[in-house]
C-alpha cells in the first residue's frame, strides 16, 4: 500500500518494529511472505464469499486482514482456525471500521467452510492432532 516492494516492507517495517523479539520477527516475516505468495488464491477464495461486492471495493485494511487470515488457514498448520479467525476479527475491530469485525467473521467463516469441504485445510501439531475442526 505504501509503494515499497516486499523487501522494503520487511526491512523498514517488520524488522525494526520487532527487533527485540527474534521469534516474532521470524513469524511475521513468514506470514508476510506467505501472504504475498498466496495472494491470488486467497483473493479468489475471499471473492467467492462476498455478496454484492467485489474485492476491490472492500476496505484496504479489511482486504489485507482477510488475505493474511486465509494464508494462515492454508499455510500455517500449527495455528488453529479459531485462533486465526479471532485475531483477524480483533484486528479489524481495532484498526479498521466499526463494521469490520462482523464482516471479516462472515467472510472467513464461509471461506473456512469451503476449505473444509474441499479438504484444503490441514492442521497438525501439539494440541491440534485429532481435534474436531467442524466445531472450531
N, C-alpha and C. Protein backbone atom coordinates (compact mmCIF):
# COMPACT_ATOMS: atom_id res chain seq x y z
N UNK A 1 0.82 -1.19 0.00
CA UNK A 1 0.00 0.00 0.00
C UNK A 1 0.86 1.26 0.00
N UNK A 2 2.02 1.19 0.64
CA UNK A 2 2.87 2.37 0.76
C UNK A 2 3.78 2.60 -0.42
N UNK A 3 3.77 1.70 -1.39
CA UNK A 3 4.57 1.91 -2.58
C UNK A 3 5.91 1.20 -2.59
N UNK A 4 6.33 0.61 -1.49
CA UNK A 4 7.60 -0.11 -1.46
C UNK A 4 7.40 -1.57 -1.83
N UNK A 5 8.45 -2.22 -2.22
CA UNK A 5 8.38 -3.64 -2.51
C UNK A 5 8.41 -4.46 -1.24
N UNK A 6 8.35 -5.77 -1.40
CA UNK A 6 8.31 -6.68 -0.26
C UNK A 6 9.55 -6.53 0.63
N UNK A 7 10.72 -6.42 0.03
CA UNK A 7 11.93 -6.30 0.85
C UNK A 7 11.95 -4.97 1.61
N UNK A 8 11.41 -3.93 1.01
CA UNK A 8 11.33 -2.63 1.69
C UNK A 8 10.42 -2.73 2.92
N UNK A 9 9.27 -3.38 2.76
CA UNK A 9 8.34 -3.55 3.88
C UNK A 9 9.00 -4.37 4.98
N UNK A 10 9.64 -5.46 4.60
CA UNK A 10 10.32 -6.31 5.58
C UNK A 10 11.40 -5.55 6.33
N UNK A 11 12.22 -4.82 5.59
CA UNK A 11 13.39 -4.15 6.18
C UNK A 11 13.06 -2.87 6.94
N UNK A 12 12.01 -2.17 6.54
CA UNK A 12 11.71 -0.88 7.18
C UNK A 12 10.53 -0.92 8.14
N UNK A 13 9.68 -1.94 8.02
CA UNK A 13 8.51 -2.02 8.91
C UNK A 13 8.57 -3.21 9.86
N UNK A 14 8.71 -4.39 9.30
CA UNK A 14 8.63 -5.60 10.14
C UNK A 14 9.85 -5.72 11.06
N UNK A 15 11.02 -5.72 10.49
CA UNK A 15 12.23 -5.94 11.31
C UNK A 15 12.44 -4.87 12.37
N UNK A 16 12.33 -3.59 12.06
CA UNK A 16 12.53 -2.59 13.13
C UNK A 16 11.47 -2.68 14.23
N UNK A 17 10.24 -2.93 13.86
CA UNK A 17 9.16 -2.97 14.87
C UNK A 17 9.31 -4.16 15.81
N UNK A 18 9.92 -5.23 15.34
CA UNK A 18 10.02 -6.46 16.12
C UNK A 18 11.46 -6.82 16.48
N UNK A 19 12.35 -5.89 16.40
CA UNK A 19 13.78 -6.14 16.58
C UNK A 19 14.12 -6.82 17.91
N UNK A 20 13.35 -6.57 18.94
CA UNK A 20 13.63 -7.14 20.26
C UNK A 20 13.09 -8.57 20.43
N UNK A 21 12.41 -9.10 19.41
CA UNK A 21 11.77 -10.41 19.53
C UNK A 21 12.03 -11.24 18.28
N UNK A 22 13.15 -11.96 18.24
CA UNK A 22 13.51 -12.72 17.04
C UNK A 22 12.46 -13.75 16.61
N UNK A 23 11.81 -14.41 17.56
CA UNK A 23 10.81 -15.41 17.19
C UNK A 23 9.61 -14.76 16.50
N UNK A 24 9.17 -13.64 17.03
CA UNK A 24 8.05 -12.94 16.42
C UNK A 24 8.45 -12.35 15.08
N UNK A 25 9.67 -11.87 14.96
CA UNK A 25 10.16 -11.36 13.68
C UNK A 25 10.12 -12.46 12.63
N UNK A 26 10.60 -13.62 13.00
CA UNK A 26 10.61 -14.76 12.07
C UNK A 26 9.19 -15.12 11.63
N UNK A 27 8.26 -15.17 12.60
CA UNK A 27 6.87 -15.48 12.28
C UNK A 27 6.28 -14.41 11.36
N UNK A 28 6.48 -13.13 11.70
CA UNK A 28 5.92 -12.03 10.90
C UNK A 28 6.47 -12.04 9.48
N UNK A 29 7.76 -12.30 9.34
CA UNK A 29 8.36 -12.35 8.01
C UNK A 29 7.77 -13.50 7.20
N UNK A 30 7.58 -14.64 7.85
CA UNK A 30 6.99 -15.78 7.14
C UNK A 30 5.54 -15.48 6.76
N UNK A 31 4.78 -14.92 7.69
CA UNK A 31 3.38 -14.60 7.39
C UNK A 31 3.31 -13.61 6.23
N UNK A 32 4.15 -12.61 6.25
CA UNK A 32 4.18 -11.62 5.18
C UNK A 32 4.51 -12.29 3.84
N UNK A 33 5.56 -13.10 3.81
CA UNK A 33 5.98 -13.76 2.56
C UNK A 33 4.91 -14.72 2.05
N UNK A 34 4.35 -15.52 2.95
CA UNK A 34 3.32 -16.48 2.55
C UNK A 34 2.05 -15.77 2.09
N UNK A 35 1.71 -14.66 2.74
CA UNK A 35 0.53 -13.91 2.33
C UNK A 35 0.71 -13.39 0.91
N UNK A 36 1.89 -12.89 0.59
CA UNK A 36 2.17 -12.45 -0.77
C UNK A 36 2.11 -13.62 -1.75
N UNK A 37 2.66 -14.76 -1.36
CA UNK A 37 2.71 -15.92 -2.24
C UNK A 37 1.33 -16.51 -2.52
N UNK A 38 0.40 -16.36 -1.57
CA UNK A 38 -0.94 -16.94 -1.73
C UNK A 38 -1.99 -15.89 -2.09
N UNK A 39 -1.54 -14.70 -2.47
CA UNK A 39 -2.48 -13.59 -2.72
C UNK A 39 -3.54 -13.93 -3.75
N UNK A 40 -3.17 -14.52 -4.86
CA UNK A 40 -4.14 -14.83 -5.91
C UNK A 40 -5.14 -15.86 -5.40
N UNK A 41 -4.66 -16.95 -4.81
CA UNK A 41 -5.55 -17.99 -4.30
C UNK A 41 -6.45 -17.43 -3.19
N UNK A 42 -5.89 -16.67 -2.28
CA UNK A 42 -6.67 -16.09 -1.18
C UNK A 42 -7.73 -15.14 -1.72
N UNK A 43 -7.35 -14.30 -2.66
CA UNK A 43 -8.29 -13.33 -3.22
C UNK A 43 -9.46 -14.02 -3.91
N UNK A 44 -9.19 -15.08 -4.63
CA UNK A 44 -10.27 -15.82 -5.30
C UNK A 44 -11.22 -16.43 -4.27
N UNK A 45 -10.65 -17.02 -3.21
CA UNK A 45 -11.47 -17.63 -2.17
C UNK A 45 -12.33 -16.57 -1.48
N UNK A 46 -11.75 -15.46 -1.13
CA UNK A 46 -12.48 -14.37 -0.48
C UNK A 46 -13.57 -13.84 -1.40
N UNK A 47 -13.23 -13.62 -2.64
CA UNK A 47 -14.17 -13.05 -3.61
C UNK A 47 -15.41 -13.93 -3.78
N UNK A 48 -15.26 -15.24 -3.70
CA UNK A 48 -16.40 -16.15 -3.84
C UNK A 48 -17.42 -15.98 -2.72
N UNK A 49 -17.01 -15.37 -1.62
CA UNK A 49 -17.91 -15.26 -0.48
C UNK A 49 -18.39 -13.82 -0.22
N UNK A 50 -18.03 -12.92 -1.09
CA UNK A 50 -18.54 -11.56 -1.00
C UNK A 50 -19.91 -11.51 -1.65
N UNK A 51 -20.84 -10.86 -1.01
CA UNK A 51 -22.19 -10.73 -1.56
C UNK A 51 -22.38 -9.28 -2.00
N UNK A 52 -22.69 -9.10 -3.29
CA UNK A 52 -22.93 -7.77 -3.86
C UNK A 52 -21.73 -6.84 -3.71
N UNK A 53 -20.55 -7.41 -3.65
CA UNK A 53 -19.31 -6.64 -3.55
C UNK A 53 -18.28 -7.28 -4.45
N UNK A 54 -17.26 -6.52 -4.76
CA UNK A 54 -16.06 -7.09 -5.38
C UNK A 54 -14.93 -6.85 -4.39
N UNK A 55 -13.89 -7.61 -4.51
CA UNK A 55 -12.77 -7.47 -3.58
C UNK A 55 -12.17 -6.07 -3.64
N UNK A 56 -12.17 -5.46 -4.79
CA UNK A 56 -11.64 -4.12 -4.93
C UNK A 56 -12.42 -3.06 -4.16
N UNK A 57 -13.67 -3.34 -3.83
CA UNK A 57 -14.49 -2.39 -3.08
C UNK A 57 -14.35 -2.56 -1.57
N UNK A 58 -13.74 -3.64 -1.14
CA UNK A 58 -13.54 -3.90 0.29
C UNK A 58 -12.46 -2.95 0.82
N UNK A 59 -12.67 -2.42 2.01
CA UNK A 59 -11.68 -1.53 2.61
C UNK A 59 -10.29 -2.19 2.56
N UNK A 60 -9.28 -1.41 2.23
CA UNK A 60 -7.93 -1.95 2.04
C UNK A 60 -7.45 -2.76 3.23
N UNK A 61 -7.63 -2.24 4.43
CA UNK A 61 -7.16 -2.95 5.62
C UNK A 61 -7.93 -4.25 5.82
N UNK A 62 -9.24 -4.23 5.59
CA UNK A 62 -10.03 -5.46 5.70
C UNK A 62 -9.54 -6.50 4.70
N UNK A 63 -9.26 -6.05 3.48
CA UNK A 63 -8.76 -6.96 2.44
C UNK A 63 -7.44 -7.59 2.86
N UNK A 64 -6.53 -6.80 3.43
CA UNK A 64 -5.25 -7.33 3.89
C UNK A 64 -5.42 -8.31 5.05
N UNK A 65 -6.29 -7.97 5.98
CA UNK A 65 -6.54 -8.86 7.12
C UNK A 65 -7.13 -10.18 6.63
N UNK A 66 -8.07 -10.11 5.70
CA UNK A 66 -8.67 -11.33 5.15
C UNK A 66 -7.62 -12.19 4.45
N UNK A 67 -6.75 -11.58 3.67
CA UNK A 67 -5.71 -12.34 2.96
C UNK A 67 -4.73 -13.00 3.94
N UNK A 68 -4.36 -12.27 4.99
CA UNK A 68 -3.46 -12.87 5.99
C UNK A 68 -4.13 -14.05 6.68
N UNK A 69 -5.40 -13.91 7.02
CA UNK A 69 -6.10 -14.99 7.70
C UNK A 69 -6.23 -16.21 6.81
N UNK A 70 -6.59 -16.00 5.56
CA UNK A 70 -6.70 -17.14 4.63
C UNK A 70 -5.33 -17.79 4.46
N UNK A 71 -4.29 -16.99 4.41
CA UNK A 71 -2.94 -17.54 4.35
C UNK A 71 -2.66 -18.43 5.55
N UNK A 72 -3.04 -17.99 6.74
CA UNK A 72 -2.85 -18.83 7.93
C UNK A 72 -3.64 -20.13 7.82
N UNK A 73 -4.87 -20.07 7.29
CA UNK A 73 -5.65 -21.30 7.07
C UNK A 73 -4.87 -22.26 6.19
N UNK A 74 -4.28 -21.73 5.11
CA UNK A 74 -3.65 -22.57 4.09
C UNK A 74 -2.23 -23.02 4.43
N UNK A 75 -1.46 -22.17 5.09
CA UNK A 75 -0.01 -22.40 5.19
C UNK A 75 0.53 -22.62 6.60
N UNK A 76 -0.24 -22.35 7.62
CA UNK A 76 0.25 -22.45 8.99
C UNK A 76 -0.51 -23.54 9.72
N UNK A 77 -0.07 -24.76 9.52
CA UNK A 77 -0.83 -25.90 10.03
C UNK A 77 -0.83 -25.98 11.55
N UNK A 78 0.02 -25.24 12.23
CA UNK A 78 0.05 -25.30 13.69
C UNK A 78 -0.82 -24.23 14.35
N UNK A 79 -1.50 -23.40 13.56
CA UNK A 79 -2.39 -22.37 14.12
C UNK A 79 -3.83 -22.82 13.92
N UNK A 80 -4.57 -23.01 15.01
CA UNK A 80 -5.97 -23.42 14.87
C UNK A 80 -6.79 -22.36 14.13
N UNK A 81 -7.71 -22.77 13.27
CA UNK A 81 -8.54 -21.81 12.54
C UNK A 81 -9.29 -20.83 13.45
N UNK A 82 -9.73 -21.31 14.59
CA UNK A 82 -10.46 -20.44 15.51
C UNK A 82 -9.56 -19.30 16.00
N UNK A 83 -8.31 -19.57 16.25
CA UNK A 83 -7.36 -18.55 16.67
C UNK A 83 -7.17 -17.53 15.54
N UNK A 84 -6.97 -18.03 14.33
CA UNK A 84 -6.82 -17.15 13.18
C UNK A 84 -8.03 -16.24 13.04
N UNK A 85 -9.22 -16.80 13.11
CA UNK A 85 -10.44 -16.00 12.95
C UNK A 85 -10.56 -14.96 14.06
N UNK A 86 -10.34 -15.36 15.30
CA UNK A 86 -10.46 -14.42 16.41
C UNK A 86 -9.49 -13.25 16.28
N UNK A 87 -8.25 -13.56 15.90
CA UNK A 87 -7.26 -12.49 15.76
C UNK A 87 -7.59 -11.57 14.60
N UNK A 88 -8.06 -12.13 13.48
CA UNK A 88 -8.43 -11.30 12.33
C UNK A 88 -9.60 -10.38 12.69
N UNK A 89 -10.58 -10.91 13.39
CA UNK A 89 -11.73 -10.10 13.80
C UNK A 89 -11.28 -8.96 14.71
N UNK A 90 -10.42 -9.27 15.67
CA UNK A 90 -9.93 -8.25 16.59
C UNK A 90 -9.11 -7.18 15.87
N UNK A 91 -8.29 -7.59 14.90
CA UNK A 91 -7.54 -6.61 14.10
C UNK A 91 -8.49 -5.68 13.35
N UNK A 92 -9.51 -6.24 12.75
CA UNK A 92 -10.49 -5.43 12.04
C UNK A 92 -11.19 -4.45 12.95
N UNK A 93 -11.61 -4.91 14.11
CA UNK A 93 -12.30 -4.03 15.06
C UNK A 93 -11.37 -2.94 15.57
N UNK A 94 -10.12 -3.26 15.80
CA UNK A 94 -9.17 -2.30 16.37
C UNK A 94 -8.66 -1.28 15.36
N UNK A 95 -8.45 -1.71 14.11
CA UNK A 95 -7.75 -0.85 13.17
C UNK A 95 -8.54 -0.44 11.93
N UNK A 96 -9.74 -0.97 11.75
CA UNK A 96 -10.50 -0.62 10.56
C UNK A 96 -11.81 0.03 10.96
N UNK A 97 -12.91 -0.35 10.39
CA UNK A 97 -14.19 0.30 10.65
C UNK A 97 -14.99 -0.44 11.72
N UNK A 98 -16.07 0.18 12.17
CA UNK A 98 -16.93 -0.46 13.18
C UNK A 98 -17.57 -1.74 12.65
N UNK A 99 -17.78 -1.81 11.36
CA UNK A 99 -18.43 -2.97 10.75
C UNK A 99 -17.44 -4.06 10.33
N UNK A 100 -16.16 -3.80 10.49
CA UNK A 100 -15.14 -4.74 10.01
C UNK A 100 -15.16 -6.08 10.73
N UNK A 101 -15.32 -6.08 12.04
CA UNK A 101 -15.31 -7.34 12.80
C UNK A 101 -16.33 -8.34 12.28
N UNK A 102 -17.62 -7.97 12.25
CA UNK A 102 -18.62 -8.91 11.73
C UNK A 102 -18.42 -9.27 10.26
N UNK A 103 -17.97 -8.30 9.46
CA UNK A 103 -17.71 -8.55 8.05
C UNK A 103 -16.61 -9.60 7.88
N UNK A 104 -15.50 -9.39 8.56
CA UNK A 104 -14.37 -10.32 8.49
C UNK A 104 -14.80 -11.70 8.99
N UNK A 105 -15.55 -11.74 10.07
CA UNK A 105 -16.03 -13.00 10.62
C UNK A 105 -16.85 -13.77 9.58
N UNK A 106 -17.79 -13.09 8.93
CA UNK A 106 -18.64 -13.76 7.95
C UNK A 106 -17.87 -14.30 6.77
N UNK A 107 -16.95 -13.52 6.23
CA UNK A 107 -16.17 -13.95 5.07
C UNK A 107 -15.25 -15.12 5.44
N UNK A 108 -14.56 -15.01 6.57
CA UNK A 108 -13.64 -16.08 6.97
C UNK A 108 -14.38 -17.36 7.32
N UNK A 109 -15.54 -17.25 7.95
CA UNK A 109 -16.33 -18.43 8.28
C UNK A 109 -16.73 -19.16 7.00
N UNK A 110 -17.22 -18.43 6.02
CA UNK A 110 -17.61 -19.04 4.74
C UNK A 110 -16.40 -19.64 4.03
N UNK A 111 -15.28 -18.93 4.03
CA UNK A 111 -14.06 -19.43 3.37
C UNK A 111 -13.57 -20.70 4.06
N UNK A 112 -13.60 -20.71 5.38
CA UNK A 112 -13.15 -21.89 6.12
C UNK A 112 -14.04 -23.09 5.83
N UNK A 113 -15.35 -22.87 5.76
CA UNK A 113 -16.26 -23.98 5.42
C UNK A 113 -15.95 -24.52 4.03
N UNK A 114 -15.67 -23.64 3.09
CA UNK A 114 -15.32 -24.10 1.75
C UNK A 114 -14.03 -24.91 1.76
N UNK A 115 -13.02 -24.42 2.47
CA UNK A 115 -11.75 -25.15 2.53
C UNK A 115 -11.93 -26.52 3.17
N UNK A 116 -12.76 -26.60 4.19
CA UNK A 116 -13.00 -27.91 4.84
C UNK A 116 -13.71 -28.87 3.89
N UNK A 117 -14.72 -28.35 3.16
CA UNK A 117 -15.45 -29.19 2.21
C UNK A 117 -14.51 -29.74 1.14
N UNK A 118 -13.56 -28.93 0.72
CA UNK A 118 -12.64 -29.33 -0.35
C UNK A 118 -11.37 -29.97 0.19
N UNK A 119 -11.34 -30.22 1.50
CA UNK A 119 -10.17 -30.80 2.16
C UNK A 119 -8.92 -29.97 1.89
N UNK A 120 -9.10 -28.65 1.89
CA UNK A 120 -7.99 -27.75 1.61
C UNK A 120 -7.32 -27.20 2.85
N UNK A 121 -7.67 -27.73 4.00
CA UNK A 121 -7.07 -27.24 5.23
C UNK A 121 -6.58 -28.43 6.04
N UNK A 122 -5.33 -28.36 6.42
CA UNK A 122 -4.72 -29.44 7.19
C UNK A 122 -4.04 -28.81 8.40
N UNK A 123 -4.40 -29.31 9.55
CA UNK A 123 -3.83 -28.78 10.78
C UNK A 123 -3.25 -29.94 11.57
N UNK A 124 -2.04 -29.73 12.10
CA UNK A 124 -1.40 -30.74 12.92
C UNK A 124 -0.49 -30.05 13.91
N UNK A 125 0.06 -30.82 14.80
CA UNK A 125 0.96 -30.25 15.80
C UNK A 125 0.41 -30.46 17.19
N UNK A 126 1.20 -30.08 18.16
CA UNK A 126 0.82 -30.27 19.54
C UNK A 126 -0.52 -29.57 19.83
N UNK A 127 -1.45 -30.33 20.36
CA UNK A 127 -2.75 -29.78 20.69
C UNK A 127 -3.71 -29.70 19.52
N UNK A 128 -3.27 -30.07 18.32
CA UNK A 128 -4.13 -29.96 17.16
C UNK A 128 -4.52 -31.30 16.57
N UNK A 129 -3.73 -32.32 16.79
CA UNK A 129 -4.00 -33.63 16.20
C UNK A 129 -5.25 -34.21 16.84
N UNK A 130 -6.16 -34.64 15.98
CA UNK A 130 -7.37 -35.29 16.46
C UNK A 130 -8.48 -34.33 16.88
N UNK A 131 -8.28 -33.05 16.74
CA UNK A 131 -9.33 -32.11 17.10
C UNK A 131 -10.42 -32.13 16.03
N UNK A 132 -11.63 -31.88 16.45
CA UNK A 132 -12.75 -31.79 15.51
C UNK A 132 -12.80 -30.36 14.99
N UNK A 133 -12.39 -30.17 13.75
CA UNK A 133 -12.34 -28.82 13.18
C UNK A 133 -13.72 -28.28 12.88
N UNK A 134 -14.71 -29.12 12.70
CA UNK A 134 -16.04 -28.62 12.40
C UNK A 134 -16.59 -27.81 13.57
N UNK A 135 -16.08 -28.01 14.77
CA UNK A 135 -16.57 -27.31 15.94
C UNK A 135 -15.70 -26.14 16.35
N UNK A 136 -14.65 -25.84 15.60
CA UNK A 136 -13.76 -24.75 15.99
C UNK A 136 -14.17 -23.45 15.37
